[in-house]
Amino acid sequence: MVTDFTPGERAGLWAVAALGFLGLNGVFGFAVLFRPQMLAAAMSNPLAVVFVVEALVLTGVLAYLLQRWQVTRLHWTWFVLLALAGSLAFAVPLAVLWKKSPVGSRQ
């Protein structure tokens, strides 16, 4: 599996990670802090709960697959924590970028 990215691809992945953490997660954080009734309404909607459960299941599956395919050096528990703290749009780019070791270090 090819995991070497061009500088443009790396910049794009960093942009997606930033959008996932600051944008998508920012909206969620705003809603939780300033509009908690929206979160309560979403969790009382069975369709929304299905999407949340699906996202949690796929987070675990992605954590397993990324490590199994050796796409990332990031341990699966860190991937899950990053996904829960940010979003999958934050965790996936970060995990695949983690594969690249810093200049001068050995793997």
C-alpha atoms as a PDB file:
ATOM      1  CA  MET A   1       0.000   0.000   0.000  1.00  0.00           C
ATOM      2  CA  VAL A   2       1.451   3.356  -1.014  1.00  0.00           C
ATOM      3  CA  THR A   3       1.678   5.721   1.931  1.00  0.00           C
ATOM      4  CA  ASP A   4       4.169   8.265   0.615  1.00  0.00           C
ATOM      5  CA  PHE A   5       2.378  11.522  -0.042  1.00  0.00           C
ATOM      6  CA  THR A   6       3.401  14.443  -2.187  1.00  0.00           C
ATOM      7  CA  PRO A   7       3.744  17.804  -0.450  1.00  0.00           C
ATOM      8  CA  GLY A   8       0.401  18.823  -1.963  1.00  0.00           C
ATOM      9  CA  GLU A   9      -1.312  15.695  -0.678  1.00  0.00           C
ATOM     10  CA  ARG A  10       0.203  16.230   2.764  1.00  0.00           C
ATOM     11  CA  ALA A  11      -1.056  19.819   2.786  1.00  0.00           C
ATOM     12  CA  GLY A  12      -4.498  18.594   1.733  1.00  0.00           C
ATOM     13  CA  LEU A  13      -4.575  16.004   4.513  1.00  0.00           C
ATOM     14  CA  TRP A  14      -3.525  18.640   7.070  1.00  0.00           C
ATOM     15  CA  ALA A  15      -6.297  20.901   5.750  1.00  0.00           C
ATOM     16  CA  VAL A  16      -8.885  18.132   6.162  1.00  0.00           C
ATOM     17  CA  ALA A  17      -7.606  17.427   9.697  1.00  0.00           C
ATOM     18  CA  ALA A  18      -7.853  21.130  10.569  1.00  0.00           C
ATOM     19  CA  LEU A  19     -11.343  21.361   9.064  1.00  0.00           C
ATOM     20  CA  GLY A  20     -12.415  18.262  10.992  1.00  0.00           C
ATOM     21  CA  PHE A  21     -11.082  19.524  14.310  1.00  0.00           C
ATOM     22  CA  LEU A  22     -11.808  23.243  14.098  1.00  0.00           C
ATOM     23  CA  GLY A  23     -14.799  23.252  11.755  1.00  0.00           C
ATOM     24  CA  LEU A  24     -16.874  20.142  12.306  1.00  0.00           C
ATOM     25  CA  ASN A  25     -15.836  19.594  15.897  1.00  0.00           C
ATOM     26  CA  GLY A  26     -16.114  23.321  16.553  1.00  0.00           C
ATOM     27  CA  VAL A  27     -19.765  23.330  15.513  1.00  0.00           C
ATOM     28  CA  PHE A  28     -20.423  20.301  17.704  1.00  0.00           C
ATOM     29  CA  GLY A  29     -18.649  21.896  20.659  1.00  0.00           C
ATOM     30  CA  PHE A  30     -20.599  25.127  20.208  1.00  0.00           C
ATOM     31  CA  ALA A  31     -23.876  23.216  20.122  1.00  0.00           C
ATOM     32  CA  VAL A  32     -23.007  21.196  23.234  1.00  0.00           C
ATOM     33  CA  LEU A  33     -22.019  24.282  25.210  1.00  0.00           C
ATOM     34  CA  PHE A  34     -24.570  26.837  24.039  1.00  0.00           C
ATOM     35  CA  ARG A  35     -27.465  24.776  22.672  1.00  0.00           C
ATOM     36  CA  PRO A  36     -27.628  21.581  24.754  1.00  0.00           C
ATOM     37  CA  GLN A  37     -31.283  21.128  23.869  1.00  0.00           C
ATOM     38  CA  MET A  38     -30.191  20.404  20.279  1.00  0.00           C
ATOM     39  CA  LEU A  39     -28.038  17.503  21.452  1.00  0.00           C
ATOM     40  CA  ALA A  40     -30.899  16.176  23.590  1.00  0.00           C
ATOM     41  CA  ALA A  41     -33.249  16.411  20.612  1.00  0.00           C
ATOM     42  CA  ALA A  42     -30.772  14.593  18.371  1.00  0.00           C
ATOM     43  CA  MET A  43     -30.266  11.792  20.893  1.00  0.00           C
ATOM     44  CA  SER A  44     -34.010  11.325  21.190  1.00  0.00           C
ATOM     45  CA  ASN A  45     -34.241  10.833  17.413  1.00  0.00           C
ATOM     46  CA  PRO A  46     -33.760   7.125  16.543  1.00  0.00           C
ATOM     47  CA  LEU A  47     -32.327   7.956  13.121  1.00  0.00           C
ATOM     48  CA  ALA A  48     -29.673  10.225  14.642  1.00  0.00           C
ATOM     49  CA  VAL A  49     -28.791   7.563  17.214  1.00  0.00           C
ATOM     50  CA  VAL A  50     -28.266   5.036  14.411  1.00  0.00           C
ATOM     51  CA  PHE A  51     -25.798   7.397  12.720  1.00  0.00           C
ATOM     52  CA  VAL A  52     -23.939   7.963  15.989  1.00  0.00           C
ATOM     53  CA  VAL A  53     -23.698   4.219  16.686  1.00  0.00           C
ATOM     54  CA  GLU A  54     -22.566   3.569  13.110  1.00  0.00           C
ATOM     55  CA  ALA A  55     -19.840   6.225  13.445  1.00  0.00           C
ATOM     56  CA  LEU A  56     -18.632   4.641  16.693  1.00  0.00           C
ATOM     57  CA  VAL A  57     -18.563   1.150  15.172  1.00  0.00           C
ATOM     58  CA  LEU A  58     -16.712   2.380  12.068  1.00  0.00           C
ATOM     59  CA  THR A  59     -14.223   4.247  14.245  1.00  0.00           C
ATOM     60  CA  GLY A  60     -13.259   0.930  15.829  1.00  0.00           C
ATOM     61  CA  VAL A  61     -13.147  -0.834  12.465  1.00  0.00           C
ATOM     62  CA  LEU A  62     -10.964   1.917  10.965  1.00  0.00           C
ATOM     63  CA  ALA A  63      -8.647   1.842  13.972  1.00  0.00           C
ATOM     64  CA  TYR A  64      -8.164  -1.890  13.486  1.00  0.00           C
ATOM     65  CA  LEU A  65      -7.759  -1.733   9.702  1.00  0.00           C
ATOM     66  CA  LEU A  66      -5.329   1.183   9.656  1.00  0.00           C
ATOM     67  CA  GLN A  67      -3.039  -0.622  12.065  1.00  0.00           C
ATOM     68  CA  ARG A  68      -3.549  -4.021  10.392  1.00  0.00           C
ATOM     69  CA  TRP A  69      -2.659  -2.574   6.968  1.00  0.00           C
ATOM     70  CA  GLN A  70       0.305  -0.796   8.585  1.00  0.00           C
ATOM     71  CA  VAL A  71      -0.887   2.554   7.271  1.00  0.00           C
ATOM     72  CA  THR A  72      -0.070   4.236  10.567  1.00  0.00           C
ATOM     73  CA  ARG A  73       2.324   3.866  13.470  1.00  0.00           C
ATOM     74  CA  LEU A  74      -0.336   5.349  15.718  1.00  0.00           C
ATOM     75  CA  HIS A  75      -1.697   2.788  18.188  1.00  0.00           C
ATOM     76  CA  TRP A  76      -5.372   1.998  17.676  1.00  0.00           C
ATOM     77  CA  THR A  77      -6.334   3.419  21.072  1.00  0.00           C
ATOM     78  CA  TRP A  78      -4.826   6.799  20.151  1.00  0.00           C
ATOM     79  CA  PHE A  79      -6.738   6.732  16.867  1.00  0.00           C
ATOM     80  CA  VAL A  80     -10.007   6.128  18.728  1.00  0.00           C
ATOM     81  CA  LEU A  81      -9.211   8.891  21.237  1.00  0.00           C
ATOM     82  CA  LEU A  82      -8.377  11.350  18.430  1.00  0.00           C
ATOM     83  CA  ALA A  83     -11.614  10.447  16.640  1.00  0.00           C
ATOM     84  CA  LEU A  84     -13.653  10.970  19.807  1.00  0.00           C
ATOM     85  CA  ALA A  85     -11.845  14.206  20.683  1.00  0.00           C
ATOM     86  CA  GLY A  86     -12.004  15.627  17.175  1.00  0.00           C
ATOM     87  CA  SER A  87     -13.791  13.667  14.482  1.00  0.00           C
ATOM     88  CA  LEU A  88     -12.988  11.023  11.908  1.00  0.00           C
ATOM     89  CA  ALA A  89     -12.190  13.877   9.518  1.00  0.00           C
ATOM     90  CA  PHE A  90      -9.496  14.848  12.051  1.00  0.00           C
ATOM     91  CA  ALA A  91      -8.253  11.382  13.078  1.00  0.00           C
ATOM     92  CA  VAL A  92      -7.899   9.680   9.682  1.00  0.00           C
ATOM     93  CA  PRO A  93      -5.612  12.299   8.055  1.00  0.00           C
ATOM     94  CA  LEU A  94      -3.588  12.579  11.247  1.00  0.00           C
ATOM     95  CA  ALA A  95      -3.179   8.803  11.451  1.00  0.00           C
ATOM     96  CA  VAL A  96      -1.974   8.421   7.868  1.00  0.00           C
ATOM     97  CA  LEU A  97       0.367  11.392   8.217  1.00  0.00           C
ATOM     98  CA  TRP A  98       1.801   9.856  11.411  1.00  0.00           C
ATOM     99  CA  LYS A  99       3.349   7.102   9.269  1.00  0.00           C
ATOM    100  CA  LYS A 100       6.050   9.497   8.102  1.00  0.00           C
ATOM    101  CA  SER A 101       8.820   9.717  10.675  1.00  0.00           C
ATOM    102  CA  PRO A 102      10.552  13.043  11.341  1.00  0.00           C
ATOM    103  CA  VAL A 103      13.694  13.855   9.359  1.00  0.00           C
ATOM    104  CA  GLY A 104      16.734  12.093  10.747  1.00  0.00           C
ATOM    105  CA  SER A 105      14.849   9.565  12.881  1.00  0.00           C
ATOM    106  CA  ARG A 106      14.777   5.812  12.365  1.00  0.00           C
ATOM    107  CA  GLN A 107      11.742   3.589  12.169  1.00  0.00           C
END
